[in-house]
């Protein structure tokens, strides 16, 4: 998945839930960093990594 914004992250999470392997790639340092605070993006990244 290219793009770790809100939609990209949600699509990647859904794909993982369906048992697919997912690699999320973005140019920005944290997920959703274009619309949210970096601390929230770091939390979201950690949350999705730990849940698969």
C-alpha atoms as a PDB file:
ATOM      1  CA  UNK A   1       0.000   0.000   0.000  1.00  0.00           C
ATOM      2  CA  UNK A   2       1.463   3.339  -0.965  1.00  0.00           C
ATOM      3  CA  UNK A   3       0.309   6.138   1.312  1.00  0.00           C
ATOM      4  CA  UNK A   4      -0.053   5.940   5.077  1.00  0.00           C
ATOM      5  CA  UNK A   5      -2.795   8.509   5.468  1.00  0.00           C
ATOM      6  CA  UNK A   6      -6.067   7.664   7.150  1.00  0.00           C
ATOM      7  CA  UNK A   7      -7.547   5.829   4.166  1.00  0.00           C
ATOM      8  CA  UNK A   8      -4.343   3.978   3.314  1.00  0.00           C
ATOM      9  CA  UNK A   9      -3.988   2.874   6.922  1.00  0.00           C
ATOM     10  CA  UNK A  10      -7.601   1.716   7.092  1.00  0.00           C
ATOM     11  CA  UNK A  11      -7.340  -0.219   3.822  1.00  0.00           C
ATOM     12  CA  UNK A  12      -4.112  -1.845   5.007  1.00  0.00           C
ATOM     13  CA  UNK A  13      -5.744  -2.805   8.328  1.00  0.00           C
ATOM     14  CA  UNK A  14      -8.713  -4.324   6.501  1.00  0.00           C
ATOM     15  CA  UNK A  15      -6.410  -6.292   4.204  1.00  0.00           C
ATOM     16  CA  UNK A  16      -4.507  -7.616   7.248  1.00  0.00           C
ATOM     17  CA  UNK A  17      -7.810  -8.575   8.824  1.00  0.00           C
ATOM     18  CA  UNK A  18      -8.528 -10.638   5.717  1.00  0.00           C
ATOM     19  CA  UNK A  19      -5.219 -12.447   6.151  1.00  0.00           C
ATOM     20  CA  UNK A  20      -3.264 -10.648   3.427  1.00  0.00           C
ATOM     21  CA  UNK A  21       0.344  -9.535   3.829  1.00  0.00           C
ATOM     22  CA  UNK A  22       0.642  -5.747   3.731  1.00  0.00           C
ATOM     23  CA  UNK A  23       3.546  -3.337   3.455  1.00  0.00           C
ATOM     24  CA  UNK A  24       2.623   0.284   4.113  1.00  0.00           C
ATOM     25  CA  UNK A  25       4.929   2.868   2.499  1.00  0.00           C
ATOM     26  CA  UNK A  26       4.845   6.640   2.858  1.00  0.00           C
ATOM     27  CA  UNK A  27       7.308   9.482   2.345  1.00  0.00           C
ATOM     28  CA  UNK A  28       6.383  11.045   5.690  1.00  0.00           C
ATOM     29  CA  UNK A  29       7.943   9.864   8.968  1.00  0.00           C
ATOM     30  CA  UNK A  30       4.676   8.807  10.653  1.00  0.00           C
ATOM     31  CA  UNK A  31       1.246   7.600   9.623  1.00  0.00           C
ATOM     32  CA  UNK A  32      -1.372  10.282   9.020  1.00  0.00           C
ATOM     33  CA  UNK A  33       1.224  13.012   9.559  1.00  0.00           C
ATOM     34  CA  UNK A  34      -0.362  15.321   6.999  1.00  0.00           C
ATOM     35  CA  UNK A  35      -3.541  15.798   9.033  1.00  0.00           C
ATOM     36  CA  UNK A  36      -2.562  15.071  12.627  1.00  0.00           C
ATOM     37  CA  UNK A  37       0.059  15.688  15.276  1.00  0.00           C
ATOM     38  CA  UNK A  38       3.225  13.552  14.970  1.00  0.00           C
ATOM     39  CA  UNK A  39       2.567  12.047  18.412  1.00  0.00           C
ATOM     40  CA  UNK A  40      -0.785  10.680  17.218  1.00  0.00           C
ATOM     41  CA  UNK A  41       0.802   9.332  14.034  1.00  0.00           C
ATOM     42  CA  UNK A  42       3.477   7.545  16.060  1.00  0.00           C
ATOM     43  CA  UNK A  43       0.823   6.055  18.339  1.00  0.00           C
ATOM     44  CA  UNK A  44      -1.215   4.856  15.337  1.00  0.00           C
ATOM     45  CA  UNK A  45       1.890   3.286  13.747  1.00  0.00           C
ATOM     46  CA  UNK A  46       2.756   1.462  16.980  1.00  0.00           C
ATOM     47  CA  UNK A  47      -0.826   0.296  17.414  1.00  0.00           C
ATOM     48  CA  UNK A  48      -1.089  -1.135  13.894  1.00  0.00           C
ATOM     49  CA  UNK A  49       2.335  -2.785  14.063  1.00  0.00           C
ATOM     50  CA  UNK A  50       1.506  -4.572  17.312  1.00  0.00           C
ATOM     51  CA  UNK A  51      -1.870  -5.791  16.008  1.00  0.00           C
ATOM     52  CA  UNK A  52      -0.410  -7.035  12.755  1.00  0.00           C
END
